[in-house]
Amino acid sequence: MSLFSPSRKSVGMDRINQSSVSEFLLLGLSERPEQQPLLFGIFLGMYLVTVMGNLLIILAIGFDPHLHTPVYFFLANLSFADGCFSSTIVPKMLVNIQTHNQTISYVECLAQMHFFMTFGALDDFLLGVMAYDGYVAICKPLHYSTLMSPLVCVLLLTACWVLTNLAALLHTLLMARLSFCAGNTIHHFFCDMVPLLKLSCSDTCTNQIALFTVGSMILTGLLFLIILSYAHIISTIFRVPSASSRQKTFSTCGSHLTVVFLFYGVAIGVYLCPPSSHSGSKDRVAAVFYTVVTPMMNPFIYSLRNKDMKPALRRLFGIHTLSSQGL
C-alpha cells in the first residue's frame, strides 16, 4: 500500500495544480509600452463613437413613430447588441492599458467569454431576421402584415435571445470543466475561446466539436438564409418597372448586405477554420475588426445610406428647418 500512496498523492497534487489557475494574463494588442497610450486613445475614441452612434439609432427609432415598423424594431435591437458586444470587451482592455495591469480573474474571463458569444451570436441572428423581413416586405408584400405582425416580431426576437444564450451557456459550461496547466498567458486582448483552449491541458476535443458544430449551424446556416433571402429579393427587384423604386430598394438592401459581409466574412475565418491555421497576430487583427470596427460602422452604414433614418435623426435633434429645406 505504501508503494502506491505517493503516486496517488502526486496525482492529487497534479489535479490541484491544474485547476488552481485563478487569473489569466491578457497580453493585449501590443507588448511595447510606448504604443500603449496610442492604443488607449484610438480604442477609447472608437468605443465612444460606437456607444454614441448605436444609442442615437435606438433613440431615433424609439422617438419617431414613422420608424415603428418591424425592420427598425430589429435594427434598434441590433444597435443594442452592437453596443453591448463592444462593451463586453473594450472597457476591460482600456482599464488594463491605463492601469498597466493585464490580469483578468478566472470567473471574469468566463463571464466575458459568455457575454461576448451571446451578443456576437445575437448579431448573427438579428441580421438573419432582418434579411427575412426584407424578403417578406419585397417578395410577399400582401402577406407582410400577417407574417411580420407585432406578435411574430416579439417571438422572433425572443427566439434569438433564447438560442444565443443557450449556445453561449453550452460553450461556457464546457470551458468551465477544463483544467489549465499550460500557463495563464492569453495571447489576445480578451477571453476568446480559441486562445483559451490552447492553454488547457485537458482533452478539448468536445469543446472543438461543439465550437465547430454550433458555429457552423449559426454562421453558415444564417448566412445561407441571408443569401437565399436576397437572391429572391434581387430577382423580384429586377421585375419592378420603376427605376426609382429599384434604386430605393437597392439602397436599403445594400446597407444590410454591407454589414453582413463585414461581420460574417471575418467571423467565419476565425471560428470555422482548423486550429492549425490560427495565428495569434492575425486572430487579434480579425477580432479588432468584428468586435470594434464593425459595431462602430453599423450606425453610419444604416444612417448615411438610409433615407428614413436621416430625417429621424434630424427630428431627434430638433432640426426641423434644415429638414424642411432638404439639407
C-alpha atoms as a PDB file:
ATOM      1  CA  MET A   1       0.000   0.000   0.000  1.00  0.00           C
ATOM      2  CA  SER A   2       2.818   2.398   0.817  1.00  0.00           C
ATOM      3  CA  LEU A   3       4.255   1.959  -2.659  1.00  0.00           C
ATOM      4  CA  PHE A   4       1.065   3.304  -4.241  1.00  0.00           C
ATOM      5  CA  SER A   5       0.376   6.092  -1.775  1.00  0.00           C
ATOM      6  CA  PRO A   6       2.923   8.594  -3.170  1.00  0.00           C
ATOM      7  CA  SER A   7       1.644   8.205  -6.729  1.00  0.00           C
ATOM      8  CA  ARG A   8      -1.940   8.797  -5.616  1.00  0.00           C
ATOM      9  CA  LYS A   9      -0.828  11.823  -3.675  1.00  0.00           C
ATOM     10  CA  SER A  10       1.134  13.037  -6.686  1.00  0.00           C
ATOM     11  CA  VAL A  11      -1.879  12.618  -8.943  1.00  0.00           C
ATOM     12  CA  GLY A  12      -3.992  14.531  -6.456  1.00  0.00           C
ATOM     13  CA  MET A  13      -1.457  17.375  -6.344  1.00  0.00           C
ATOM     14  CA  ASP A  14      -1.328  17.459 -10.151  1.00  0.00           C
ATOM     15  CA  ARG A  15      -5.086  17.851 -10.299  1.00  0.00           C
ATOM     16  CA  ILE A  16      -4.966  20.639  -7.752  1.00  0.00           C
ATOM     17  CA  ASN A  17      -2.220  22.417  -9.715  1.00  0.00           C
ATOM     18  CA  GLN A  18      -4.110  22.004 -12.965  1.00  0.00           C
ATOM     19  CA  SER A  19      -7.283  23.596 -11.622  1.00  0.00           C
ATOM     20  CA  SER A  20      -5.605  26.222  -9.427  1.00  0.00           C
ATOM     21  CA  VAL A  21      -5.467  28.956 -12.092  1.00  0.00           C
ATOM     22  CA  SER A  22      -7.280  31.897 -10.505  1.00  0.00           C
ATOM     23  CA  GLU A  23      -6.451  34.522 -13.119  1.00  0.00           C
ATOM     24  CA  PHE A  24      -5.186  34.957 -16.658  1.00  0.00           C
ATOM     25  CA  LEU A  25      -2.814  37.443 -18.224  1.00  0.00           C
ATOM     26  CA  LEU A  26      -4.124  39.234 -21.318  1.00  0.00           C
ATOM     27  CA  LEU A  27      -1.188  40.292 -23.493  1.00  0.00           C
ATOM     28  CA  GLY A  28      -3.350  42.726 -25.461  1.00  0.00           C
ATOM     29  CA  LEU A  29      -2.612  44.017 -28.937  1.00  0.00           C
ATOM     30  CA  SER A  30       0.972  45.057 -28.277  1.00  0.00           C
ATOM     31  CA  GLU A  31       3.577  44.378 -25.617  1.00  0.00           C
ATOM     32  CA  ARG A  32       5.505  47.579 -26.359  1.00  0.00           C
ATOM     33  CA  PRO A  33       4.990  50.176 -23.581  1.00  0.00           C
ATOM     34  CA  GLU A  34       5.461  53.137 -25.927  1.00  0.00           C
ATOM     35  CA  GLN A  35       2.457  52.024 -28.024  1.00  0.00           C
ATOM     36  CA  GLN A  36       0.011  51.750 -25.104  1.00  0.00           C
ATOM     37  CA  PRO A  37      -1.020  55.463 -24.950  1.00  0.00           C
ATOM     38  CA  LEU A  38      -1.726  55.460 -28.691  1.00  0.00           C
ATOM     39  CA  LEU A  39      -3.775  52.260 -28.453  1.00  0.00           C
ATOM     40  CA  PHE A  40      -5.677  53.668 -25.473  1.00  0.00           C
ATOM     41  CA  GLY A  41      -6.583  56.844 -27.375  1.00  0.00           C
ATOM     42  CA  ILE A  42      -7.608  55.018 -30.542  1.00  0.00           C
ATOM     43  CA  PHE A  43      -9.800  52.434 -28.839  1.00  0.00           C
ATOM     44  CA  LEU A  44     -11.330  54.921 -26.411  1.00  0.00           C
ATOM     45  CA  GLY A  45     -12.347  57.092 -29.358  1.00  0.00           C
ATOM     46  CA  MET A  46     -13.722  54.131 -31.317  1.00  0.00           C
ATOM     47  CA  TYR A  47     -15.625  52.861 -28.281  1.00  0.00           C
ATOM     48  CA  LEU A  48     -17.231  56.257 -27.609  1.00  0.00           C
ATOM     49  CA  VAL A  49     -18.266  56.531 -31.263  1.00  0.00           C
ATOM     50  CA  THR A  50     -19.712  53.004 -31.108  1.00  0.00           C
ATOM     51  CA  VAL A  51     -21.767  53.649 -27.971  1.00  0.00           C
ATOM     52  CA  MET A  52     -22.999  57.091 -29.037  1.00  0.00           C
ATOM     53  CA  GLY A  53     -23.758  56.021 -32.611  1.00  0.00           C
ATOM     54  CA  ASN A  54     -25.772  52.963 -31.619  1.00  0.00           C
ATOM     55  CA  LEU A  55     -27.523  54.897 -28.846  1.00  0.00           C
ATOM     56  CA  LEU A  56     -28.593  57.558 -31.371  1.00  0.00           C
ATOM     57  CA  ILE A  57     -30.012  54.850 -33.646  1.00  0.00           C
ATOM     58  CA  ILE A  58     -32.039  53.420 -30.736  1.00  0.00           C
ATOM     59  CA  LEU A  59     -33.308  56.864 -29.658  1.00  0.00           C
ATOM     60  CA  ALA A  60     -34.174  57.939 -33.219  1.00  0.00           C
ATOM     61  CA  ILE A  61     -36.213  54.769 -33.770  1.00  0.00           C
ATOM     62  CA  GLY A  62     -37.844  54.959 -30.354  1.00  0.00           C
ATOM     63  CA  PHE A  63     -38.959  58.593 -30.638  1.00  0.00           C
ATOM     64  CA  ASP A  64     -40.047  58.566 -34.300  1.00  0.00           C
ATOM     65  CA  PRO A  65     -43.459  56.929 -34.886  1.00  0.00           C
ATOM     66  CA  HIS A  66     -42.634  56.610 -38.601  1.00  0.00           C
ATOM     67  CA  LEU A  67     -39.954  54.063 -37.710  1.00  0.00           C
ATOM     68  CA  HIS A  68     -42.124  51.838 -35.537  1.00  0.00           C
ATOM     69  CA  THR A  69     -42.009  49.057 -38.091  1.00  0.00           C
ATOM     70  CA  PRO A  70     -40.554  45.527 -37.899  1.00  0.00           C
ATOM     71  CA  VAL A  71     -37.318  46.322 -39.761  1.00  0.00           C
ATOM     72  CA  TYR A  72     -36.478  49.229 -37.444  1.00  0.00           C
ATOM     73  CA  PHE A  73     -37.582  47.250 -34.411  1.00  0.00           C
ATOM     74  CA  PHE A  74     -34.883  44.710 -35.259  1.00  0.00           C
ATOM     75  CA  LEU A  75     -32.415  47.459 -36.205  1.00  0.00           C
ATOM     76  CA  ALA A  76     -32.815  49.011 -32.737  1.00  0.00           C
ATOM     77  CA  ASN A  77     -32.111  45.623 -31.176  1.00  0.00           C
ATOM     78  CA  LEU A  78     -29.098  45.173 -33.462  1.00  0.00           C
ATOM     79  CA  SER A  79     -27.752  48.530 -32.256  1.00  0.00           C
ATOM     80  CA  PHE A  80     -28.300  47.445 -28.664  1.00  0.00           C
ATOM     81  CA  ALA A  81     -26.463  44.171 -29.314  1.00  0.00           C
ATOM     82  CA  ASP A  82     -23.587  46.020 -31.011  1.00  0.00           C
ATOM     83  CA  GLY A  83     -23.198  48.383 -28.067  1.00  0.00           C
ATOM     84  CA  CYS A  84     -23.192  45.507 -25.583  1.00  0.00           C
ATOM     85  CA  PHE A  85     -20.865  43.491 -27.820  1.00  0.00           C
ATOM     86  CA  SER A  86     -18.167  46.165 -27.692  1.00  0.00           C
ATOM     87  CA  SER A  87     -18.854  46.942 -24.028  1.00  0.00           C
ATOM     88  CA  THR A  88     -18.066  43.346 -23.134  1.00  0.00           C
ATOM     89  CA  ILE A  89     -14.501  43.717 -24.388  1.00  0.00           C
ATOM     90  CA  VAL A  90     -13.255  47.284 -24.878  1.00  0.00           C
ATOM     91  CA  PRO A  91     -13.706  48.763 -21.345  1.00  0.00           C
ATOM     92  CA  LYS A  92     -11.674  45.942 -19.771  1.00  0.00           C
ATOM     93  CA  MET A  93      -8.958  46.403 -22.371  1.00  0.00           C
ATOM     94  CA  LEU A  94      -8.853  50.168 -21.712  1.00  0.00           C
ATOM     95  CA  VAL A  95      -8.629  49.611 -17.950  1.00  0.00           C
ATOM     96  CA  ASN A  96      -5.773  47.145 -18.421  1.00  0.00           C
ATOM     97  CA  ILE A  97      -3.860  49.626 -20.577  1.00  0.00           C
ATOM     98  CA  GLN A  98      -4.444  52.549 -18.214  1.00  0.00           C
ATOM     99  CA  THR A  99      -3.576  50.675 -15.012  1.00  0.00           C
ATOM    100  CA  HIS A 100      -0.719  48.666 -16.579  1.00  0.00           C
ATOM    101  CA  ASN A 101      -2.382  45.570 -15.120  1.00  0.00           C
ATOM    102  CA  GLN A 102      -3.116  42.882 -17.688  1.00  0.00           C
ATOM    103  CA  THR A 103      -4.711  40.348 -15.366  1.00  0.00           C
ATOM    104  CA  ILE A 104      -8.286  39.101 -15.509  1.00  0.00           C
ATOM    105  CA  SER A 105      -9.764  36.696 -12.968  1.00  0.00           C
ATOM    106  CA  TYR A 106     -10.872  33.209 -13.955  1.00  0.00           C
ATOM    107  CA  VAL A 107     -14.547  33.991 -13.246  1.00  0.00           C
ATOM    108  CA  GLU A 108     -14.365  37.340 -15.028  1.00  0.00           C
ATOM    109  CA  CYS A 109     -12.723  35.644 -18.009  1.00  0.00           C
ATOM    110  CA  LEU A 110     -15.511  33.061 -18.334  1.00  0.00           C
ATOM    111  CA  ALA A 111     -18.137  35.792 -17.903  1.00  0.00           C
ATOM    112  CA  GLN A 112     -16.528  37.901 -20.620  1.00  0.00           C
ATOM    113  CA  MET A 113     -16.399  34.899 -22.955  1.00  0.00           C
ATOM    114  CA  HIS A 114     -20.058  34.098 -22.250  1.00  0.00           C
ATOM    115  CA  PHE A 115     -21.376  37.609 -22.977  1.00  0.00           C
ATOM    116  CA  PHE A 116     -19.061  38.006 -25.958  1.00  0.00           C
ATOM    117  CA  MET A 117     -20.559  34.877 -27.526  1.00  0.00           C
ATOM    118  CA  THR A 118     -24.098  35.876 -26.524  1.00  0.00           C
ATOM    119  CA  PHE A 119     -24.057  39.300 -28.168  1.00  0.00           C
ATOM    120  CA  GLY A 120     -21.935  38.112 -31.094  1.00  0.00           C
ATOM    121  CA  ALA A 121     -24.411  35.332 -31.902  1.00  0.00           C
ATOM    122  CA  LEU A 122     -27.309  37.745 -31.305  1.00  0.00           C
ATOM    123  CA  ASP A 123     -25.857  39.947 -34.056  1.00  0.00           C
ATOM    124  CA  ASP A 124     -25.873  36.920 -36.366  1.00  0.00           C
ATOM    125  CA  PHE A 125     -29.486  36.032 -35.635  1.00  0.00           C
ATOM    126  CA  LEU A 126     -30.724  39.620 -35.960  1.00  0.00           C
ATOM    127  CA  LEU A 127     -29.021  40.014 -39.331  1.00  0.00           C
ATOM    128  CA  GLY A 128     -30.743  36.821 -40.441  1.00  0.00           C
ATOM    129  CA  VAL A 129     -34.144  38.006 -39.180  1.00  0.00           C
ATOM    130  CA  MET A 130     -33.677  41.357 -40.921  1.00  0.00           C
ATOM    131  CA  ALA A 131     -32.955  39.540 -44.177  1.00  0.00           C
ATOM    132  CA  TYR A 132     -36.150  37.525 -43.736  1.00  0.00           C
ATOM    133  CA  ASP A 133     -38.075  40.755 -43.037  1.00  0.00           C
ATOM    134  CA  GLY A 134     -36.727  42.238 -46.274  1.00  0.00           C
ATOM    135  CA  TYR A 135     -37.719  39.101 -48.174  1.00  0.00           C
ATOM    136  CA  VAL A 136     -41.295  39.239 -46.860  1.00  0.00           C
ATOM    137  CA  ALA A 137     -41.594  43.007 -47.456  1.00  0.00           C
ATOM    138  CA  ILE A 138     -40.433  42.827 -51.087  1.00  0.00           C
ATOM    139  CA  CYS A 139     -41.429  39.356 -52.264  1.00  0.00           C
ATOM    140  CA  LYS A 140     -44.672  38.887 -50.287  1.00  0.00           C
ATOM    141  CA  PRO A 141     -45.960  42.431 -49.603  1.00  0.00           C
ATOM    142  CA  LEU A 142     -49.614  41.368 -49.402  1.00  0.00           C
ATOM    143  CA  HIS A 143     -48.850  38.998 -46.535  1.00  0.00           C
ATOM    144  CA  TYR A 144     -46.405  41.299 -44.740  1.00  0.00           C
ATOM    145  CA  SER A 145     -48.785  42.481 -42.023  1.00  0.00           C
ATOM    146  CA  THR A 146     -49.557  38.862 -41.141  1.00  0.00           C
ATOM    147  CA  LEU A 147     -46.098  37.305 -41.466  1.00  0.00           C
ATOM    148  CA  MET A 148     -44.409  40.188 -39.607  1.00  0.00           C
ATOM    149  CA  SER A 149     -47.086  41.139 -37.090  1.00  0.00           C
ATOM    150  CA  PRO A 150     -46.012  42.623 -33.722  1.00  0.00           C
ATOM    151  CA  LEU A 151     -46.532  39.230 -32.067  1.00  0.00           C
ATOM    152  CA  VAL A 152     -44.367  37.476 -34.664  1.00  0.00           C
ATOM    153  CA  CYS A 153     -41.641  40.104 -34.228  1.00  0.00           C
ATOM    154  CA  VAL A 154     -41.612  39.620 -30.461  1.00  0.00           C
ATOM    155  CA  LEU A 155     -41.500  35.844 -30.871  1.00  0.00           C
ATOM    156  CA  LEU A 156     -38.618  36.085 -33.348  1.00  0.00           C
ATOM    157  CA  LEU A 157     -36.681  38.375 -31.006  1.00  0.00           C
ATOM    158  CA  THR A 158     -37.351  36.066 -28.058  1.00  0.00           C
ATOM    159  CA  ALA A 159     -36.146  33.082 -30.071  1.00  0.00           C
ATOM    160  CA  CYS A 160     -32.948  34.979 -30.954  1.00  0.00           C
ATOM    161  CA  TRP A 161     -32.242  35.728 -27.284  1.00  0.00           C
ATOM    162  CA  VAL A 162     -33.002  32.180 -26.107  1.00  0.00           C
ATOM    163  CA  LEU A 163     -30.928  30.447 -28.782  1.00  0.00           C
ATOM    164  CA  THR A 164     -27.918  32.734 -28.360  1.00  0.00           C
ATOM    165  CA  ASN A 165     -27.921  32.367 -24.575  1.00  0.00           C
ATOM    166  CA  LEU A 166     -28.192  28.579 -24.845  1.00  0.00           C
ATOM    167  CA  ALA A 167     -25.276  28.443 -27.288  1.00  0.00           C
ATOM    168  CA  ALA A 168     -23.137  30.705 -25.082  1.00  0.00           C
ATOM    169  CA  LEU A 169     -24.070  28.744 -21.953  1.00  0.00           C
ATOM    170  CA  LEU A 170     -23.066  25.466 -23.625  1.00  0.00           C
ATOM    171  CA  HIS A 171     -19.601  26.788 -24.507  1.00  0.00           C
ATOM    172  CA  THR A 172     -19.153  28.381 -21.078  1.00  0.00           C
ATOM    173  CA  LEU A 173     -20.018  25.158 -19.232  1.00  0.00           C
ATOM    174  CA  LEU A 174     -17.728  23.124 -21.484  1.00  0.00           C
ATOM    175  CA  MET A 175     -14.915  25.608 -20.860  1.00  0.00           C
ATOM    176  CA  ALA A 176     -15.507  25.581 -17.082  1.00  0.00           C
ATOM    177  CA  ARG A 177     -14.850  21.823 -16.892  1.00  0.00           C
ATOM    178  CA  LEU A 178     -11.344  22.186 -18.360  1.00  0.00           C
ATOM    179  CA  SER A 179      -8.110  22.342 -16.376  1.00  0.00           C
ATOM    180  CA  PHE A 180      -5.439  24.904 -17.223  1.00  0.00           C
ATOM    181  CA  CYS A 181      -1.821  23.942 -16.645  1.00  0.00           C
ATOM    182  CA  ALA A 182      -0.060  25.268 -19.755  1.00  0.00           C
ATOM    183  CA  GLY A 183       0.413  28.719 -18.252  1.00  0.00           C
ATOM    184  CA  ASN A 184      -2.075  31.539 -17.843  1.00  0.00           C
ATOM    185  CA  THR A 185      -0.933  33.909 -20.595  1.00  0.00           C
ATOM    186  CA  ILE A 186      -3.606  34.583 -23.227  1.00  0.00           C
ATOM    187  CA  HIS A 187      -2.174  35.902 -26.494  1.00  0.00           C
ATOM    188  CA  HIS A 188      -5.205  38.095 -27.080  1.00  0.00           C
ATOM    189  CA  PHE A 189      -6.862  41.249 -25.763  1.00  0.00           C
ATOM    190  CA  PHE A 190      -9.937  39.432 -24.403  1.00  0.00           C
ATOM    191  CA  CYS A 191     -11.004  35.938 -23.331  1.00  0.00           C
ATOM    192  CA  ASP A 192     -11.850  34.279 -26.612  1.00  0.00           C
ATOM    193  CA  MET A 193     -12.460  30.550 -26.935  1.00  0.00           C
ATOM    194  CA  VAL A 194      -9.630  29.671 -29.324  1.00  0.00           C
ATOM    195  CA  PRO A 195      -6.720  31.066 -27.242  1.00  0.00           C
ATOM    196  CA  LEU A 196      -8.267  29.700 -24.041  1.00  0.00           C
ATOM    197  CA  LEU A 197      -8.457  26.195 -25.486  1.00  0.00           C
ATOM    198  CA  LYS A 198      -4.750  26.375 -26.320  1.00  0.00           C
ATOM    199  CA  LEU A 199      -3.951  26.857 -22.608  1.00  0.00           C
ATOM    200  CA  SER A 200      -5.894  23.830 -21.422  1.00  0.00           C
ATOM    201  CA  CYS A 201      -4.158  20.593 -20.524  1.00  0.00           C
ATOM    202  CA  SER A 202      -7.477  18.707 -20.624  1.00  0.00           C
ATOM    203  CA  ASP A 203      -8.949  16.956 -23.612  1.00  0.00           C
ATOM    204  CA  THR A 204     -10.543  19.776 -25.646  1.00  0.00           C
ATOM    205  CA  CYS A 205     -11.984  17.546 -28.349  1.00  0.00           C
ATOM    206  CA  THR A 206     -15.559  18.032 -27.091  1.00  0.00           C
ATOM    207  CA  ASN A 207     -15.078  21.803 -26.983  1.00  0.00           C
ATOM    208  CA  GLN A 208     -13.698  21.913 -30.508  1.00  0.00           C
ATOM    209  CA  ILE A 209     -16.522  19.744 -31.841  1.00  0.00           C
ATOM    210  CA  ALA A 210     -19.094  21.951 -30.098  1.00  0.00           C
ATOM    211  CA  LEU A 211     -17.416  25.116 -31.394  1.00  0.00           C
ATOM    212  CA  PHE A 212     -17.358  23.861 -34.983  1.00  0.00           C
ATOM    213  CA  THR A 213     -20.861  22.347 -34.872  1.00  0.00           C
ATOM    214  CA  VAL A 214     -22.655  25.255 -33.197  1.00  0.00           C
ATOM    215  CA  GLY A 215     -20.582  27.777 -35.142  1.00  0.00           C
ATOM    216  CA  SER A 216     -21.449  26.085 -38.427  1.00  0.00           C
ATOM    217  CA  MET A 217     -25.144  25.966 -37.578  1.00  0.00           C
ATOM    218  CA  ILE A 218     -25.247  29.632 -36.594  1.00  0.00           C
ATOM    219  CA  LEU A 219     -22.820  31.237 -39.032  1.00  0.00           C
ATOM    220  CA  THR A 220     -23.245  29.160 -42.180  1.00  0.00           C
ATOM    221  CA  GLY A 221     -26.914  28.399 -41.514  1.00  0.00           C
ATOM    222  CA  LEU A 222     -27.877  32.040 -41.074  1.00  0.00           C
ATOM    223  CA  LEU A 223     -25.596  33.120 -43.908  1.00  0.00           C
ATOM    224  CA  PHE A 224     -27.386  30.653 -46.200  1.00  0.00           C
ATOM    225  CA  LEU A 225     -30.734  32.111 -45.080  1.00  0.00           C
ATOM    226  CA  ILE A 226     -29.494  35.629 -45.836  1.00  0.00           C
ATOM    227  CA  ILE A 227     -28.134  34.696 -49.261  1.00  0.00           C
ATOM    228  CA  LEU A 228     -31.352  32.849 -50.126  1.00  0.00           C
ATOM    229  CA  SER A 229     -33.478  35.797 -48.995  1.00  0.00           C
ATOM    230  CA  TYR A 230     -31.502  38.283 -51.037  1.00  0.00           C
ATOM    231  CA  ALA A 231     -31.486  36.035 -54.084  1.00  0.00           C
ATOM    232  CA  HIS A 232     -35.298  36.202 -54.046  1.00  0.00           C
ATOM    233  CA  ILE A 233     -35.198  39.951 -53.285  1.00  0.00           C
ATOM    234  CA  ILE A 234     -32.878  40.747 -56.207  1.00  0.00           C
ATOM    235  CA  SER A 235     -34.930  38.569 -58.525  1.00  0.00           C
ATOM    236  CA  THR A 236     -38.067  40.480 -57.507  1.00  0.00           C
ATOM    237  CA  ILE A 237     -36.383  43.890 -57.772  1.00  0.00           C
ATOM    238  CA  PHE A 238     -35.400  43.338 -61.404  1.00  0.00           C
ATOM    239  CA  ARG A 239     -39.059  42.761 -62.227  1.00  0.00           C
ATOM    240  CA  VAL A 240     -40.048  46.177 -60.809  1.00  0.00           C
ATOM    241  CA  PRO A 241     -40.700  48.600 -63.715  1.00  0.00           C
ATOM    242  CA  SER A 242     -39.920  51.793 -61.752  1.00  0.00           C
ATOM    243  CA  ALA A 243     -36.229  52.733 -61.714  1.00  0.00           C
ATOM    244  CA  SER A 244     -36.654  54.918 -58.613  1.00  0.00           C
ATOM    245  CA  SER A 245     -38.249  52.045 -56.690  1.00  0.00           C
ATOM    246  CA  ARG A 246     -35.385  49.750 -57.672  1.00  0.00           C
ATOM    247  CA  GLN A 247     -32.850  52.334 -56.551  1.00  0.00           C
ATOM    248  CA  LYS A 248     -34.559  52.828 -53.166  1.00  0.00           C
ATOM    249  CA  THR A 249     -34.755  49.069 -52.573  1.00  0.00           C
ATOM    250  CA  PHE A 250     -31.111  48.520 -53.584  1.00  0.00           C
ATOM    251  CA  SER A 251     -30.064  51.324 -51.216  1.00  0.00           C
ATOM    252  CA  THR A 252     -31.860  49.713 -48.274  1.00  0.00           C
ATOM    253  CA  CYS A 253     -30.624  46.211 -49.082  1.00  0.00           C
ATOM    254  CA  GLY A 254     -27.116  47.479 -49.756  1.00  0.00           C
ATOM    255  CA  SER A 255     -26.787  48.719 -46.175  1.00  0.00           C
ATOM    256  CA  HIS A 256     -27.751  45.339 -44.793  1.00  0.00           C
ATOM    257  CA  LEU A 257     -25.508  43.383 -47.157  1.00  0.00           C
ATOM    258  CA  THR A 258     -22.528  45.601 -46.303  1.00  0.00           C
ATOM    259  CA  VAL A 259     -22.909  44.766 -42.605  1.00  0.00           C
ATOM    260  CA  VAL A 260     -23.433  41.067 -43.371  1.00  0.00           C
ATOM    261  CA  PHE A 261     -20.274  40.726 -45.449  1.00  0.00           C
ATOM    262  CA  LEU A 262     -18.184  42.647 -42.908  1.00  0.00           C
ATOM    263  CA  PHE A 263     -19.351  40.603 -39.935  1.00  0.00           C
ATOM    264  CA  TYR A 264     -19.737  37.119 -41.393  1.00  0.00           C
ATOM    265  CA  GLY A 265     -16.599  37.209 -43.510  1.00  0.00           C
ATOM    266  CA  VAL A 266     -14.294  37.784 -40.543  1.00  0.00           C
ATOM    267  CA  ALA A 267     -16.209  35.588 -38.065  1.00  0.00           C
ATOM    268  CA  ILE A 268     -16.208  32.547 -40.374  1.00  0.00           C
ATOM    269  CA  GLY A 269     -12.482  32.950 -40.975  1.00  0.00           C
ATOM    270  CA  VAL A 270     -11.753  32.957 -37.233  1.00  0.00           C
ATOM    271  CA  TYR A 271     -14.115  30.303 -35.846  1.00  0.00           C
ATOM    272  CA  LEU A 272     -14.624  27.785 -38.641  1.00  0.00           C
ATOM    273  CA  CYS A 273     -11.037  27.406 -39.841  1.00  0.00           C
ATOM    274  CA  PRO A 274      -8.980  24.476 -38.467  1.00  0.00           C
ATOM    275  CA  PRO A 275      -6.945  25.246 -35.305  1.00  0.00           C
ATOM    276  CA  SER A 276      -3.658  24.719 -37.158  1.00  0.00           C
ATOM    277  CA  SER A 277      -4.409  27.710 -39.379  1.00  0.00           C
ATOM    278  CA  HIS A 278      -4.806  30.127 -36.455  1.00  0.00           C
ATOM    279  CA  SER A 279      -2.163  32.788 -35.954  1.00  0.00           C
ATOM    280  CA  GLY A 280      -2.096  34.925 -32.809  1.00  0.00           C
ATOM    281  CA  SER A 281      -1.448  38.212 -34.589  1.00  0.00           C
ATOM    282  CA  LYS A 282      -3.922  37.532 -37.411  1.00  0.00           C
ATOM    283  CA  ASP A 283      -6.635  36.469 -34.961  1.00  0.00           C
ATOM    284  CA  ARG A 284      -6.144  39.642 -32.927  1.00  0.00           C
ATOM    285  CA  VAL A 285      -6.422  41.845 -36.011  1.00  0.00           C
ATOM    286  CA  ALA A 286      -9.541  39.972 -37.133  1.00  0.00           C
ATOM    287  CA  ALA A 287     -11.021  40.263 -33.635  1.00  0.00           C
ATOM    288  CA  VAL A 288     -10.492  44.041 -33.645  1.00  0.00           C
ATOM    289  CA  PHE A 289     -12.387  44.169 -36.908  1.00  0.00           C
ATOM    290  CA  TYR A 290     -15.529  42.341 -35.802  1.00  0.00           C
ATOM    291  CA  THR A 291     -15.589  43.399 -32.128  1.00  0.00           C
ATOM    292  CA  VAL A 292     -14.739  47.095 -32.519  1.00  0.00           C
ATOM    293  CA  VAL A 293     -14.738  48.271 -36.130  1.00  0.00           C
ATOM    294  CA  THR A 294     -17.961  46.629 -37.342  1.00  0.00           C
ATOM    295  CA  PRO A 295     -20.133  47.745 -34.373  1.00  0.00           C
ATOM    296  CA  MET A 296     -18.739  51.264 -34.835  1.00  0.00           C
ATOM    297  CA  MET A 297     -19.502  51.321 -38.567  1.00  0.00           C
ATOM    298  CA  ASN A 298     -23.047  49.936 -38.358  1.00  0.00           C
ATOM    299  CA  PRO A 299     -24.695  53.226 -37.253  1.00  0.00           C
ATOM    300  CA  PHE A 300     -23.003  55.091 -40.128  1.00  0.00           C
ATOM    301  CA  ILE A 301     -23.936  52.427 -42.656  1.00  0.00           C
ATOM    302  CA  TYR A 302     -27.584  52.376 -41.610  1.00  0.00           C
ATOM    303  CA  SER A 303     -27.957  56.149 -41.172  1.00  0.00           C
ATOM    304  CA  LEU A 304     -25.954  57.524 -44.106  1.00  0.00           C
ATOM    305  CA  ARG A 305     -27.417  55.059 -46.612  1.00  0.00           C
ATOM    306  CA  ASN A 306     -30.954  55.116 -45.251  1.00  0.00           C
ATOM    307  CA  LYS A 307     -33.417  57.832 -46.305  1.00  0.00           C
ATOM    308  CA  ASP A 308     -35.720  57.114 -43.358  1.00  0.00           C
ATOM    309  CA  MET A 309     -33.028  57.381 -40.689  1.00  0.00           C
ATOM    310  CA  LYS A 310     -31.690  60.786 -41.818  1.00  0.00           C
ATOM    311  CA  PRO A 311     -34.900  62.766 -41.107  1.00  0.00           C
ATOM    312  CA  ALA A 312     -35.456  60.747 -37.931  1.00  0.00           C
ATOM    313  CA  LEU A 313     -32.031  61.794 -36.631  1.00  0.00           C
ATOM    314  CA  ARG A 314     -32.752  65.401 -37.579  1.00  0.00           C
ATOM    315  CA  ARG A 315     -36.054  65.306 -35.709  1.00  0.00           C
ATOM    316  CA  LEU A 316     -34.265  63.758 -32.727  1.00  0.00           C
ATOM    317  CA  PHE A 317     -32.025  66.832 -32.555  1.00  0.00           C
ATOM    318  CA  GLY A 318     -34.916  69.187 -33.348  1.00  0.00           C
ATOM    319  CA  ILE A 319     -33.502  70.306 -36.700  1.00  0.00           C
ATOM    320  CA  HIS A 320     -36.862  70.830 -38.405  1.00  0.00           C
ATOM    321  CA  THR A 321     -35.870  73.792 -40.537  1.00  0.00           C
ATOM    322  CA  LEU A 322     -32.940  72.081 -42.189  1.00  0.00           C
ATOM    323  CA  SER A 323     -35.059  69.019 -42.834  1.00  0.00           C
ATOM    324  CA  SER A 324     -37.774  71.045 -44.498  1.00  0.00           C
ATOM    325  CA  GLN A 325     -35.212  72.730 -46.748  1.00  0.00           C
ATOM    326  CA  GLY A 326     -33.847  69.333 -47.754  1.00  0.00           C
ATOM    327  CA  LEU A 327     -30.402  69.957 -46.269  1.00  0.00           C
END
